[in-house]
């Protein structure tokens, strides 16, 4: 089969450098703005629920675009998709850098998300094609280094920029790196995927857009809005999303040439890999939301200091990814994934007991251990799952994996925020003087503790799944 061609036909290093450079800046800009949200609220005179749209809008576009990526990978060449994704990223970053208002900035985020939404599936699909199975763990680990390292340094870098410059500079500094990645890609990127041009089913695209978009929008709104889960918008968008997804799935399974081939779920290790990556993303993204809130609201640290506290864990997680990738190639997934989930579960239990008196050193150690645990799960589970698929399923497998990661992010953060808010209200209802401002950090901490208990329960489910994982023997 053409897609399973040996890697020696490709200039692997230049292709990897092009993808990693573009991926790094894409993932970096995804989290770099989070620390600046408070500044944006003051400067643009907007509320917290409005500013959240900068994150929700981004996630929404990824949720809609990534499912279609499997189809795009079979219609357009690797070079075409790479250049278009970089063009969107550059345009979005430029609009953001010169944005005079919130509306402009929101448009910029949507354009940026179009770039990231095309790039992520392209990255994973290319690795599956250019690397033989016995080297994929190390390659996926290198991608992991970028995907985890970029969001880790994003908040710290933004905190530093905001102390000396304004938020526009977060984008101005990213821009030259994206241009560099585009030039490098134009010079060295090769076409690696097989163009089959399957029939485009418009109804599938519409159902996928309404389904994935509705679910991501519903969960995101539940976490942000004042009405919470009982809001008519949340209930209706989740209901419409779920119905559309059921219709979409049914249609894919009955079509001869489906847009997203759900028959990939016939492979048990792929299903298990998807499930564990989903759980991991819920834990990691809810933690990345809860910790800065606790550090700034509960422990009264500045944005820059909060970014610094989370930096060691993020950096170590990035450097652990290639190590776990090589260990996976050598020993398989079981001896990484099970201990990984044990570490994550234990750390989340400790996090559920943090107080306003907890020291920054304790948080750094716990966050670092959490990130080590995550790196032991994420890439091995993902690579093992994708390894079981035949080459014709690579575009569908990467599309499914990436789509569900976006959904996990939206679901994890929404549920964590809701539980945290409920925990805060519960704490305030039990005190004598709810108007006392000194109780606000304690109430926030109580809410954060509740949310970490939820994350711990999710991690325990992952641990149970981990006992069923087996190393995939690859024939192709």
Protein backbone atom coordinates (compact mmCIF):
# COMPACT_ATOMS: atom_id res chain seq x y z
CA UNK A 1 0.00 0.00 0.00
CA UNK A 2 1.26 3.45 -0.94
CA UNK A 3 0.47 4.99 2.45
CA UNK A 4 2.54 2.46 4.34
CA UNK A 5 5.68 3.20 2.34
CA UNK A 6 8.95 2.89 4.24
CA UNK A 7 10.28 6.04 5.86
CA UNK A 8 13.53 6.11 3.83
CA UNK A 9 11.61 7.65 0.88
CA UNK A 10 11.05 10.78 2.95
CA UNK A 11 13.35 13.50 4.25
CA UNK A 12 12.08 12.87 7.75
CA UNK A 13 14.04 15.57 9.64
CA UNK A 14 12.99 18.64 7.55
CA UNK A 15 9.34 17.44 7.57
CA UNK A 16 9.45 17.04 11.38
CA UNK A 17 11.08 20.47 11.91
CA UNK A 18 8.40 22.17 9.75
CA UNK A 19 5.57 20.47 11.67
CA UNK A 20 7.10 21.01 15.12
CA UNK A 21 7.83 24.70 14.59
CA UNK A 22 4.28 25.37 13.33
CA UNK A 23 2.73 23.17 16.04
CA UNK A 24 4.70 24.86 18.83
CA UNK A 25 3.48 28.37 17.98
CA UNK A 26 -0.08 27.08 17.36
CA UNK A 27 -0.28 25.42 20.79
CA UNK A 28 1.55 28.32 22.45
CA UNK A 29 -1.02 30.89 21.28
CA UNK A 30 -3.82 28.60 22.55
CA UNK A 31 -2.82 29.16 26.21
CA UNK A 32 -0.76 32.37 26.06
CA UNK A 33 -3.93 34.46 26.08
CA UNK A 34 -5.43 32.82 29.22
CA UNK A 35 -3.30 34.85 31.65
CA UNK A 36 -4.16 38.07 29.75
CA UNK A 37 -7.95 37.63 30.08
CA UNK A 38 -8.13 39.81 33.25
CA UNK A 39 -6.21 42.63 31.50
CA UNK A 40 -8.44 42.33 28.43
CA UNK A 41 -11.59 42.66 30.59
CA UNK A 42 -10.31 45.97 32.00
CA UNK A 43 -8.91 47.37 28.75
CA UNK A 44 -11.81 46.41 26.47
CA UNK A 45 -14.44 46.98 29.20
CA UNK A 46 -16.03 43.52 28.90
CA UNK A 47 -17.40 40.97 31.38
CA UNK A 48 -15.90 37.58 32.32
CA UNK A 49 -18.58 35.68 30.35
CA UNK A 50 -17.80 37.80 27.25
CA UNK A 51 -14.01 37.40 27.44
CA UNK A 52 -14.43 33.61 27.76
CA UNK A 53 -15.59 33.60 24.14
CA UNK A 54 -11.95 34.03 23.13
CA UNK A 55 -11.39 30.49 24.44
CA UNK A 56 -14.86 29.08 23.62
CA UNK A 57 -14.79 30.39 20.04
CA UNK A 58 -11.37 28.82 19.54
CA UNK A 59 -12.51 25.43 20.92
CA UNK A 60 -15.73 25.61 18.91
CA UNK A 61 -13.90 26.05 15.58
CA UNK A 62 -11.56 23.14 16.45
CA UNK A 63 -14.59 21.00 17.39
CA UNK A 64 -16.18 21.71 14.00
CA UNK A 65 -13.09 21.60 11.77
CA UNK A 66 -11.13 18.62 13.16
CA UNK A 67 -13.84 15.99 12.31
CA UNK A 68 -13.73 17.15 8.66
CA UNK A 69 -9.91 16.89 8.64
CA UNK A 70 -9.97 13.15 7.80
CA UNK A 71 -11.77 14.05 4.57
CA UNK A 72 -9.43 17.00 3.83
CA UNK A 73 -6.36 14.73 4.25
CA UNK A 74 -7.71 12.51 1.46
CA UNK A 75 -8.60 15.42 -0.85
CA UNK A 76 -5.57 17.72 -0.57
CA UNK A 77 -1.80 17.13 -0.50
CA UNK A 78 0.28 17.45 2.67
CA UNK A 79 1.97 20.57 1.27
CA UNK A 80 -1.32 22.26 0.38
CA UNK A 81 -2.82 21.64 3.84
CA UNK A 82 0.38 22.71 5.62
CA UNK A 83 0.64 26.00 3.67
CA UNK A 84 -3.08 26.82 4.12
CA UNK A 85 -2.96 26.04 7.88
CA UNK A 86 0.09 28.32 8.32
CA UNK A 87 -1.56 31.06 6.23
CA UNK A 88 -4.62 31.00 8.54
CA UNK A 89 -2.38 31.05 11.64
CA UNK A 90 -0.35 34.02 10.32
CA UNK A 91 -3.46 35.97 9.28
CA UNK A 92 -5.19 35.32 12.64
CA UNK A 93 -2.09 36.32 14.62
CA UNK A 94 -1.70 39.52 12.58
CA UNK A 95 -5.37 40.51 13.08
CA UNK A 96 -4.98 39.80 16.85
CA UNK A 97 -1.80 41.91 17.05
CA UNK A 98 -3.53 44.97 15.56
CA UNK A 99 -7.00 44.36 17.13
CA UNK A 100 -8.60 47.62 18.29
CA UNK A 101 -11.66 45.91 19.85
CA UNK A 102 -13.04 42.64 21.28
CA UNK A 103 -14.90 41.79 18.03
CA UNK A 104 -11.67 42.01 16.02
CA UNK A 105 -9.84 39.86 18.58
CA UNK A 106 -12.61 37.22 18.47
CA UNK A 107 -12.40 37.08 14.64
CA UNK A 108 -8.61 36.73 14.98
CA UNK A 109 -9.00 33.78 17.39
CA UNK A 110 -11.41 32.05 15.00
CA UNK A 111 -8.97 32.47 12.07
CA UNK A 112 -6.10 31.18 14.29
CA UNK A 113 -8.22 28.14 15.24
CA UNK A 114 -8.76 27.33 11.53
CA UNK A 115 -4.95 27.08 11.24
CA UNK A 116 -4.54 24.90 14.34
CA UNK A 117 -7.56 22.74 13.39
CA UNK A 118 -5.91 21.86 10.07
CA UNK A 119 -2.41 21.44 11.48
CA UNK A 120 -2.99 19.01 14.40
CA UNK A 121 -4.51 16.09 12.41
CA UNK A 122 -1.99 16.70 9.60
CA UNK A 123 0.85 16.39 12.13
CA UNK A 124 -0.30 13.02 13.54
CA UNK A 125 -1.23 11.59 10.14
CA UNK A 126 2.19 12.51 8.66
CA UNK A 127 4.02 10.79 11.54
CA UNK A 128 2.01 7.58 11.03
CA UNK A 129 3.02 7.59 7.34
CA UNK A 130 6.74 8.56 7.52
CA UNK A 131 7.75 6.46 10.55
CA UNK A 132 7.67 2.63 10.75
CA UNK A 133 5.67 1.30 13.74
CA UNK A 134 8.75 0.46 15.87
CA UNK A 135 9.91 4.12 15.75
CA UNK A 136 6.54 5.81 16.18
CA UNK A 137 6.71 6.03 19.99
CA UNK A 138 9.82 8.23 19.89
CA UNK A 139 8.34 10.38 17.07
CA UNK A 140 5.04 10.83 18.91
CA UNK A 141 7.06 11.65 22.03
CA UNK A 142 8.80 14.47 20.17
CA UNK A 143 5.40 15.82 19.08
CA UNK A 144 4.34 15.47 22.74
CA UNK A 145 7.32 17.58 23.77
CA UNK A 146 5.99 20.40 21.59
CA UNK A 147 2.29 19.98 22.37
CA UNK A 148 2.90 19.97 26.14
CA UNK A 149 5.87 22.37 26.32
CA UNK A 150 4.21 25.20 24.37
CA UNK A 151 1.07 25.50 26.56
CA UNK A 152 3.30 25.21 29.67
CA UNK A 153 5.46 28.23 28.88
CA UNK A 154 2.54 30.20 27.37
CA UNK A 155 1.15 31.59 30.68
CA UNK A 156 4.62 32.40 32.13
CA UNK A 157 5.69 34.16 28.94
CA UNK A 158 2.39 36.13 28.82
CA UNK A 159 2.80 37.17 32.46
CA UNK A 160 6.27 38.50 31.63
CA UNK A 161 5.03 40.33 28.51
CA UNK A 162 2.09 41.88 30.42
CA UNK A 163 4.42 43.20 33.12
CA UNK A 164 6.52 45.16 30.60
CA UNK A 165 4.37 45.58 27.45
CA UNK A 166 0.68 45.13 26.52
CA UNK A 167 -1.32 42.08 25.34
CA UNK A 168 -0.84 42.95 21.63
CA UNK A 169 2.81 41.92 22.00
CA UNK A 170 1.85 38.30 22.79
CA UNK A 171 0.86 38.10 19.10
CA UNK A 172 3.59 40.35 17.64
CA UNK A 173 6.26 38.08 19.18
CA UNK A 174 4.62 34.90 17.74
CA UNK A 175 4.29 36.29 14.21
CA UNK A 176 7.92 36.01 12.93
CA UNK A 177 8.13 32.36 14.12
CA UNK A 178 5.00 31.45 12.13
CA UNK A 179 6.42 33.16 9.01
CA UNK A 180 9.68 31.22 9.53
CA UNK A 181 7.73 27.92 9.83
CA UNK A 182 5.87 28.72 6.58
CA UNK A 183 9.08 29.49 4.65
CA UNK A 184 10.75 26.33 6.02
CA UNK A 185 7.67 24.25 5.13
CA UNK A 186 7.47 25.63 1.57
CA UNK A 187 11.15 24.67 1.11
CA UNK A 188 11.11 21.20 2.71
CA UNK A 189 7.58 19.80 3.23
CA UNK A 190 6.86 16.72 1.10
CA UNK A 191 3.56 15.14 0.11
CA UNK A 192 3.19 11.98 2.16
CA UNK A 193 -0.51 11.06 2.15
CA UNK A 194 -2.39 9.23 -0.56
CA UNK A 195 -5.00 11.34 -2.39
CA UNK A 196 -8.13 9.20 -2.88
CA UNK A 197 -10.69 12.06 -3.29
CA UNK A 198 -13.63 10.24 -1.65
CA UNK A 199 -17.14 11.52 -2.44
CA UNK A 200 -18.05 14.56 -0.30
CA UNK A 201 -21.29 13.97 1.60
CA UNK A 202 -22.72 17.42 2.45
CA UNK A 203 -25.26 16.01 4.94
CA UNK A 204 -22.43 14.32 6.91
CA UNK A 205 -20.54 17.64 7.11
CA UNK A 206 -23.70 19.48 8.30
CA UNK A 207 -24.51 16.80 10.93
CA UNK A 208 -20.86 16.75 12.11
CA UNK A 209 -20.79 20.57 12.41
CA UNK A 210 -24.09 20.74 14.33
CA UNK A 211 -23.22 17.68 16.46
CA UNK A 212 -19.66 18.42 17.57
CA UNK A 213 -20.27 22.19 17.55
CA UNK A 214 -23.45 21.87 19.62
CA UNK A 215 -21.82 19.67 22.27
CA UNK A 216 -18.70 21.87 22.60
CA UNK A 217 -20.84 25.04 22.67
CA UNK A 218 -23.27 23.59 25.23
CA UNK A 219 -20.57 22.43 27.65
CA UNK A 220 -18.54 25.64 27.25
CA UNK A 221 -21.62 27.77 27.95
CA UNK A 222 -22.56 25.67 30.99
CA UNK A 223 -19.16 26.44 32.51
CA UNK A 224 -19.33 30.17 31.82
CA UNK A 225 -22.91 31.36 31.82
CA UNK A 226 -24.88 32.64 34.79
CA UNK A 227 -27.69 30.13 34.17
CA UNK A 228 -25.28 27.17 34.31
CA UNK A 229 -26.63 23.75 33.37
CA UNK A 230 -30.30 24.84 33.65
CA UNK A 231 -29.87 27.57 30.98
CA UNK A 232 -32.24 26.96 28.00
CA UNK A 233 -29.33 27.69 25.60
CA UNK A 234 -27.17 24.99 27.25
CA UNK A 235 -29.96 22.38 27.34
CA UNK A 236 -31.06 23.02 23.75
CA UNK A 237 -27.53 23.10 22.26
CA UNK A 238 -26.55 19.87 24.08
CA UNK A 239 -29.80 18.15 22.99
CA UNK A 240 -29.44 19.26 19.35
CA UNK A 241 -25.71 18.32 19.42
CA UNK A 242 -26.36 14.80 20.78
CA UNK A 243 -29.20 14.12 18.30
CA UNK A 244 -27.03 15.34 15.39
CA UNK A 245 -24.12 13.12 16.58
CA UNK A 246 -26.40 10.04 16.73
CA UNK A 247 -27.64 10.77 13.18
CA UNK A 248 -24.06 11.45 12.03
CA UNK A 249 -22.78 8.14 13.50
CA UNK A 250 -25.66 6.16 12.00
CA UNK A 251 -25.03 7.72 8.58
CA UNK A 252 -21.26 7.03 8.72
CA UNK A 253 -21.81 3.35 9.54
CA UNK A 254 -24.28 2.84 6.66
CA UNK A 255 -22.29 4.70 3.96
CA UNK A 256 -19.92 2.96 1.54
CA UNK A 257 -17.46 5.91 1.69
CA UNK A 258 -18.06 7.64 5.05
CA UNK A 259 -16.69 11.12 5.84
CA UNK A 260 -15.26 9.82 9.14
CA UNK A 261 -14.90 6.05 9.14
CA UNK A 262 -16.24 5.02 12.55
CA UNK A 263 -15.34 1.39 11.74
CA UNK A 264 -11.99 2.32 13.34
CA UNK A 265 -13.84 1.62 16.62
CA UNK A 266 -13.80 -2.09 15.71
CA UNK A 267 -10.17 -2.14 16.90
CA UNK A 268 -10.21 -2.63 20.72
CA UNK A 269 -6.82 -1.02 21.49
CA UNK A 270 -7.81 2.04 19.44
CA UNK A 271 -11.02 2.35 21.51
CA UNK A 272 -9.03 2.01 24.74
CA UNK A 273 -6.45 4.55 23.51
CA UNK A 274 -9.20 7.06 22.61
CA UNK A 275 -10.82 6.57 26.04
CA UNK A 276 -7.57 7.12 27.96
CA UNK A 277 -6.56 10.18 25.89
CA UNK A 278 -10.08 11.58 26.49
CA UNK A 279 -9.70 11.10 30.27
CA UNK A 280 -6.20 12.62 30.19
CA UNK A 281 -7.39 15.72 28.34
CA UNK A 282 -10.26 16.19 30.82
CA UNK A 283 -7.81 16.02 33.74
CA UNK A 284 -5.09 18.19 32.19
CA UNK A 285 -7.36 20.97 30.88
CA UNK A 286 -9.51 21.17 34.01
CA UNK A 287 -6.29 21.33 36.12
CA UNK A 288 -4.84 24.06 33.88
CA UNK A 289 -7.99 26.09 34.53
CA UNK A 290 -8.36 25.38 38.27
CA UNK A 291 -4.73 25.89 39.34
CA UNK A 292 -4.25 29.47 38.04
CA UNK A 293 -7.62 30.41 39.65
CA UNK A 294 -6.54 28.91 42.98
CA UNK A 295 -3.04 30.43 42.83
CA UNK A 296 -4.36 33.92 42.05
CA UNK A 297 -7.67 33.87 43.96
CA UNK A 298 -6.91 31.52 46.87
CA UNK A 299 -3.17 32.11 47.46
CA UNK A 300 -3.17 35.77 46.22
CA UNK A 301 -0.22 35.33 43.81
CA UNK A 302 0.30 37.61 40.78
CA UNK A 303 -0.35 36.34 37.23
CA UNK A 304 3.40 36.14 36.55
CA UNK A 305 4.12 34.25 39.80
CA UNK A 306 1.23 31.85 39.10
CA UNK A 307 2.75 31.22 35.66
CA UNK A 308 6.16 30.56 37.25
CA UNK A 309 4.65 28.05 39.73
CA UNK A 310 3.21 26.04 36.83
CA UNK A 311 6.35 26.29 34.67
CA UNK A 312 8.54 23.44 36.12
CA UNK A 313 5.78 20.85 35.70
CA UNK A 314 5.08 21.93 32.13
CA UNK A 315 8.75 21.90 31.13
CA UNK A 316 9.36 18.48 32.73
CA UNK A 317 6.24 17.10 31.05
CA UNK A 318 7.59 18.27 27.70
CA UNK A 319 11.00 16.66 28.24
CA UNK A 320 9.39 13.45 29.57
CA UNK A 321 7.40 12.90 26.34
CA UNK A 322 10.37 11.77 24.15
CA UNK A 323 11.61 9.60 27.07
CA UNK A 324 8.23 7.86 27.49
CA UNK A 325 8.06 7.55 23.68
CA UNK A 326 11.34 5.59 23.61
CA UNK A 327 10.30 3.47 26.62
CA UNK A 328 7.04 2.71 24.81
CA UNK A 329 8.96 1.53 21.69
CA UNK A 330 11.04 -0.75 23.93
CA UNK A 331 8.58 -2.10 26.53
CA UNK A 332 5.05 -1.35 25.24
CA UNK A 333 2.29 0.69 26.92
CA UNK A 334 1.27 -1.28 30.03
CA UNK A 335 4.29 -0.47 32.24
CA UNK A 336 3.90 3.24 31.52
CA UNK A 337 0.14 3.75 31.49
CA UNK A 338 -0.78 1.94 34.76
CA UNK A 339 1.90 3.69 36.94
CA UNK A 340 0.99 6.95 35.15
CA UNK A 341 -2.65 6.73 36.24
CA UNK A 342 -1.60 5.72 39.80
CA UNK A 343 0.56 8.90 40.03
CA UNK A 344 -2.18 11.13 38.55
CA UNK A 345 -4.86 9.74 40.91
CA UNK A 346 -2.62 10.18 43.98
CA UNK A 347 -1.68 13.77 43.03
CA UNK A 348 -5.33 14.74 42.42
CA UNK A 349 -6.19 13.39 45.90
CA UNK A 350 -3.48 15.66 47.38
CA UNK A 351 -4.81 18.59 45.30
CA UNK A 352 -8.29 18.00 46.73
CA UNK A 353 -6.80 18.80 50.17
CA UNK A 354 -5.05 22.11 49.32
CA UNK A 355 -5.82 25.12 51.54
CA UNK A 356 -5.09 28.86 51.47
CA UNK A 357 -2.14 28.05 53.77
CA UNK A 358 -0.55 25.65 51.23
CA UNK A 359 2.90 26.80 50.06
CA UNK A 360 3.94 27.47 46.47
CA UNK A 361 6.63 24.76 46.86
CA UNK A 362 3.95 22.12 47.61
CA UNK A 363 1.94 23.19 44.54
CA UNK A 364 5.08 23.05 42.33
CA UNK A 365 5.91 19.50 43.49
CA UNK A 366 2.31 18.29 43.05
CA UNK A 367 1.91 19.92 39.63
CA UNK A 368 5.24 18.47 38.47
CA UNK A 369 4.22 14.95 39.60
CA UNK A 370 0.85 15.38 37.84
CA UNK A 371 2.62 16.30 34.60
CA UNK A 372 5.01 13.32 34.87
CA UNK A 373 1.99 11.02 35.29
CA UNK A 374 0.19 12.58 32.30
CA UNK A 375 3.27 12.16 30.07
CA UNK A 376 3.40 8.45 30.98
CA UNK A 377 -0.20 8.01 29.77
CA UNK A 378 -0.85 10.35 26.87
CA UNK A 379 1.56 9.42 24.07
CA UNK A 380 1.82 5.64 24.82
CA UNK A 381 -2.00 5.27 24.87
CA UNK A 382 -2.38 7.35 21.71
CA UNK A 383 0.41 5.65 19.73
CA UNK A 384 -0.63 2.12 20.78
CA UNK A 385 -4.21 2.85 19.72
CA UNK A 386 -3.28 4.32 16.32
CA UNK A 387 -0.78 1.47 15.69
CA UNK A 388 -3.63 -1.06 15.62
CA UNK A 389 -5.32 0.68 12.68
CA UNK A 390 -4.58 -0.37 9.07
CA UNK A 391 -3.01 2.49 7.00
CA UNK A 392 -6.32 3.29 5.21
CA UNK A 393 -7.77 4.26 8.60
CA UNK A 394 -4.94 6.69 9.57
CA UNK A 395 -6.78 9.89 8.49
CA UNK A 396 -9.97 8.73 10.27
CA UNK A 397 -8.11 7.56 13.39
CA UNK A 398 -6.25 10.87 13.81
CA UNK A 399 -9.46 12.84 13.13
CA UNK A 400 -11.40 10.83 15.75
CA UNK A 401 -8.58 11.14 18.32
CA UNK A 402 -8.18 14.92 17.82
CA UNK A 403 -11.94 15.63 17.74
CA UNK A 404 -12.53 13.80 21.01
CA UNK A 405 -9.58 15.64 22.61
CA UNK A 406 -11.30 18.97 21.84
CA UNK A 407 -14.58 17.66 23.25
CA UNK A 408 -12.80 16.34 26.37
CA UNK A 409 -11.33 19.81 26.92
CA UNK A 410 -14.72 21.51 26.67
CA UNK A 411 -16.46 18.90 28.87
CA UNK A 412 -13.67 18.74 31.49
CA UNK A 413 -13.39 22.51 31.97
CA UNK A 414 -17.19 23.05 31.99
CA UNK A 415 -17.84 20.36 34.61
CA UNK A 416 -14.86 21.50 36.73
CA UNK A 417 -16.04 25.15 36.71
CA UNK A 418 -19.62 24.12 37.59
CA UNK A 419 -18.45 21.93 40.49
CA UNK A 420 -16.13 24.70 41.70
CA UNK A 421 -18.95 27.28 41.61
CA UNK A 422 -21.30 24.91 43.48
CA UNK A 423 -18.56 24.28 46.09
CA UNK A 424 -18.11 28.04 46.60
CA UNK A 425 -21.87 28.57 47.10
CA UNK A 426 -22.03 25.61 49.46
CA UNK A 427 -19.19 27.10 51.57
CA UNK A 428 -20.78 30.56 51.67
CA UNK A 429 -24.18 29.16 52.73
CA UNK A 430 -22.56 27.67 55.84
CA UNK A 431 -20.86 30.84 57.18
CA UNK A 432 -22.30 33.45 59.54
CA UNK A 433 -21.31 36.54 57.54
CA UNK A 434 -21.23 35.85 53.76
CA UNK A 435 -20.40 39.54 53.09
CA UNK A 436 -16.99 39.19 54.82
CA UNK A 437 -14.38 39.66 51.98
CA UNK A 438 -11.77 37.56 53.84
CA UNK A 439 -13.97 34.48 53.18
CA UNK A 440 -13.74 34.78 49.36
CA UNK A 441 -10.32 33.00 49.04
CA UNK A 442 -11.53 30.24 51.44
CA UNK A 443 -14.74 29.76 49.44
CA UNK A 444 -12.77 29.57 46.17
CA UNK A 445 -10.40 27.01 47.74
CA UNK A 446 -13.38 24.90 48.89
CA UNK A 447 -14.74 24.99 45.33
CA UNK A 448 -11.36 24.02 43.86
CA UNK A 449 -11.12 21.07 46.31
CA UNK A 450 -14.51 19.78 45.10
CA UNK A 451 -13.45 20.11 41.45
CA UNK A 452 -10.23 18.16 42.07
CA UNK A 453 -12.26 15.33 43.66
CA UNK A 454 -14.20 15.15 40.36
CA UNK A 455 -10.90 15.01 38.43
CA UNK A 456 -9.65 12.23 40.75
CA UNK A 457 -12.79 10.12 40.08
CA UNK A 458 -12.20 10.54 36.31
CA UNK A 459 -8.55 9.43 36.78
CA UNK A 460 -9.68 6.31 38.71
CA UNK A 461 -11.86 5.35 35.70
CA UNK A 462 -8.74 5.74 33.54
CA UNK A 463 -6.76 3.48 35.89
CA UNK A 464 -9.41 0.76 35.56
CA UNK A 465 -9.19 1.02 31.72
CA UNK A 466 -5.36 0.86 31.89
CA UNK A 467 -5.42 -2.72 33.18
CA UNK A 468 -6.93 -3.87 29.86
CA UNK A 469 -4.26 -2.33 27.59
CA UNK A 470 -2.14 -4.72 25.48
CA UNK A 471 0.78 -4.01 23.20
CA UNK A 472 -0.26 -3.97 19.54
CA UNK A 473 1.74 -6.18 17.18
CA UNK A 474 1.93 -4.32 13.88
CA UNK A 475 2.11 -6.27 10.61
CA UNK A 476 1.79 -3.50 8.03
